[in-house]
Amino acid sequence: MALLTGIIILAVMRISNLDLVIFVGSLMVIVLSLGTYLASVKRRRRDRRIAGG
């Protein structure tokens, strides 16, 4: 864990455009979360239809 933290700190120190990296990372998290949510809704609808509810 300490090694991973050290690698992250070193990478952040060497990145000149940190704002862009944080923005892109946040955007990726949002897109992944939205995709997971939509897949969950689709699965729930399918399960309810199969169960006859």
N, C-alpha and C. Protein backbone atom coordinates (compact mmCIF):
# COMPACT_ATOMS: atom_id res chain seq x y z
N MET A 1 0.83 -1.20 0.00
CA MET A 1 0.00 0.00 0.00
C MET A 1 0.87 1.26 0.00
N ALA A 2 1.92 1.24 0.78
CA ALA A 2 2.82 2.39 0.84
C ALA A 2 3.52 2.59 -0.51
N LEU A 3 3.85 1.50 -1.18
CA LEU A 3 4.49 1.60 -2.49
C LEU A 3 3.53 2.23 -3.51
N LEU A 4 2.28 1.81 -3.48
CA LEU A 4 1.29 2.39 -4.39
C LEU A 4 1.10 3.88 -4.13
N THR A 5 1.03 4.26 -2.86
CA THR A 5 0.90 5.67 -2.50
C THR A 5 2.11 6.46 -2.99
N GLY A 6 3.29 5.91 -2.83
CA GLY A 6 4.50 6.57 -3.30
C GLY A 6 4.50 6.75 -4.81
N ILE A 7 4.06 5.73 -5.53
CA ILE A 7 4.00 5.83 -6.99
C ILE A 7 3.00 6.91 -7.42
N ILE A 8 1.85 6.96 -6.74
CA ILE A 8 0.85 7.98 -7.07
C ILE A 8 1.39 9.38 -6.80
N ILE A 9 2.06 9.56 -5.67
CA ILE A 9 2.63 10.87 -5.33
C ILE A 9 3.69 11.27 -6.35
N LEU A 10 4.54 10.35 -6.75
CA LEU A 10 5.57 10.62 -7.73
C LEU A 10 4.94 11.00 -9.08
N ALA A 11 3.91 10.28 -9.48
CA ALA A 11 3.24 10.57 -10.76
C ALA A 11 2.59 11.95 -10.72
N VAL A 12 1.96 12.29 -9.61
CA VAL A 12 1.30 13.59 -9.49
C VAL A 12 2.33 14.72 -9.54
N MET A 13 3.49 14.51 -8.94
CA MET A 13 4.53 15.55 -8.95
C MET A 13 5.06 15.77 -10.36
N ARG A 14 5.09 14.74 -11.20
CA ARG A 14 5.65 14.85 -12.55
C ARG A 14 4.63 15.32 -13.58
N ILE A 15 3.35 15.27 -13.25
CA ILE A 15 2.32 15.69 -14.20
C ILE A 15 2.19 17.21 -14.16
N SER A 16 2.33 17.83 -15.31
CA SER A 16 2.27 19.29 -15.35
C SER A 16 0.83 19.79 -15.45
N ASN A 17 -0.05 19.00 -16.04
CA ASN A 17 -1.42 19.43 -16.24
C ASN A 17 -2.35 18.61 -15.34
N LEU A 18 -2.21 18.79 -14.05
CA LEU A 18 -2.93 17.97 -13.08
C LEU A 18 -4.43 18.21 -13.14
N ASP A 19 -4.86 19.44 -13.43
CA ASP A 19 -6.29 19.72 -13.50
C ASP A 19 -6.97 18.86 -14.57
N LEU A 20 -6.33 18.73 -15.71
CA LEU A 20 -6.90 17.92 -16.79
C LEU A 20 -6.97 16.45 -16.39
N VAL A 21 -5.94 15.96 -15.72
CA VAL A 21 -5.93 14.56 -15.29
C VAL A 21 -7.06 14.30 -14.30
N ILE A 22 -7.25 15.21 -13.36
CA ILE A 22 -8.33 15.06 -12.38
C ILE A 22 -9.69 15.13 -13.07
N PHE A 23 -9.83 16.04 -14.02
CA PHE A 23 -11.09 16.17 -14.77
C PHE A 23 -11.41 14.89 -15.54
N VAL A 24 -10.44 14.37 -16.26
CA VAL A 24 -10.65 13.16 -17.04
C VAL A 24 -10.95 11.97 -16.12
N GLY A 25 -10.23 11.88 -15.02
CA GLY A 25 -10.49 10.80 -14.06
C GLY A 25 -11.90 10.88 -13.49
N SER A 26 -12.33 12.08 -13.14
CA SER A 26 -13.68 12.27 -12.62
C SER A 26 -14.72 11.92 -13.67
N LEU A 27 -14.46 12.33 -14.90
CA LEU A 27 -15.38 12.03 -15.99
C LEU A 27 -15.49 10.52 -16.21
N MET A 28 -14.39 9.82 -16.12
CA MET A 28 -14.40 8.37 -16.28
C MET A 28 -15.21 7.70 -15.17
N VAL A 29 -15.07 8.18 -13.95
CA VAL A 29 -15.85 7.63 -12.83
C VAL A 29 -17.34 7.86 -13.05
N ILE A 30 -17.71 9.05 -13.52
CA ILE A 30 -19.12 9.37 -13.76
C ILE A 30 -19.68 8.47 -14.86
N VAL A 31 -18.95 8.32 -15.95
CA VAL A 31 -19.43 7.49 -17.07
C VAL A 31 -19.56 6.03 -16.63
N LEU A 32 -18.60 5.54 -15.88
CA LEU A 32 -18.65 4.16 -15.39
C LEU A 32 -19.84 3.96 -14.46
N SER A 33 -20.07 4.92 -13.57
CA SER A 33 -21.20 4.83 -12.65
C SER A 33 -22.53 4.86 -13.39
N LEU A 34 -22.64 5.73 -14.37
CA LEU A 34 -23.87 5.83 -15.15
C LEU A 34 -24.12 4.54 -15.94
N GLY A 35 -23.08 4.00 -16.52
CA GLY A 35 -23.22 2.74 -17.25
C GLY A 35 -23.65 1.60 -16.35
N THR A 36 -23.08 1.53 -15.15
CA THR A 36 -23.46 0.50 -14.19
C THR A 36 -24.91 0.66 -13.77
N TYR A 37 -25.33 1.90 -13.53
CA TYR A 37 -26.72 2.16 -13.14
C TYR A 37 -27.68 1.76 -14.24
N LEU A 38 -27.38 2.14 -15.48
CA LEU A 38 -28.28 1.79 -16.59
C LEU A 38 -28.35 0.28 -16.80
N ALA A 39 -27.23 -0.42 -16.64
CA ALA A 39 -27.24 -1.88 -16.75
C ALA A 39 -28.09 -2.49 -15.63
N SER A 40 -28.03 -1.90 -14.45
CA SER A 40 -28.83 -2.38 -13.32
C SER A 40 -30.32 -2.20 -13.59
N VAL A 41 -30.69 -1.06 -14.13
CA VAL A 41 -32.10 -0.80 -14.45
C VAL A 41 -32.58 -1.80 -15.50
N LYS A 42 -31.77 -2.02 -16.52
CA LYS A 42 -32.13 -2.97 -17.58
C LYS A 42 -32.31 -4.38 -17.00
N ARG A 43 -31.39 -4.77 -16.13
CA ARG A 43 -31.46 -6.11 -15.52
C ARG A 43 -32.69 -6.24 -14.64
N ARG A 44 -33.00 -5.19 -13.87
CA ARG A 44 -34.16 -5.23 -12.98
C ARG A 44 -35.45 -5.36 -13.79
N ARG A 45 -35.55 -4.63 -14.89
CA ARG A 45 -36.74 -4.71 -15.75
C ARG A 45 -36.89 -6.11 -16.33
N ARG A 46 -35.77 -6.67 -16.79
CA ARG A 46 -35.81 -8.01 -17.38
C ARG A 46 -36.21 -9.04 -16.33
N ASP A 47 -35.64 -8.93 -15.13
CA ASP A 47 -35.98 -9.87 -14.07
C ASP A 47 -37.45 -9.78 -13.68
N ARG A 48 -37.98 -8.57 -13.61
CA ARG A 48 -39.40 -8.40 -13.25
C ARG A 48 -40.31 -8.97 -14.35
N ARG A 49 -39.88 -8.79 -15.61
CA ARG A 49 -40.69 -9.30 -16.72
C ARG A 49 -40.69 -10.83 -16.71
N ILE A 50 -39.54 -11.44 -16.44
CA ILE A 50 -39.44 -12.90 -16.40
C ILE A 50 -40.25 -13.45 -15.22
N ALA A 51 -40.21 -12.73 -14.08
CA ALA A 51 -40.92 -13.20 -12.89
C ALA A 51 -42.43 -12.99 -13.00
N GLY A 52 -42.85 -12.23 -13.98
CA GLY A 52 -44.28 -12.00 -14.17
C GLY A 52 -44.83 -10.90 -13.30
N GLY A 53 -43.95 -10.02 -12.83
CA GLY A 53 -44.38 -8.94 -11.96
C GLY A 53 -44.44 -7.68 -12.69
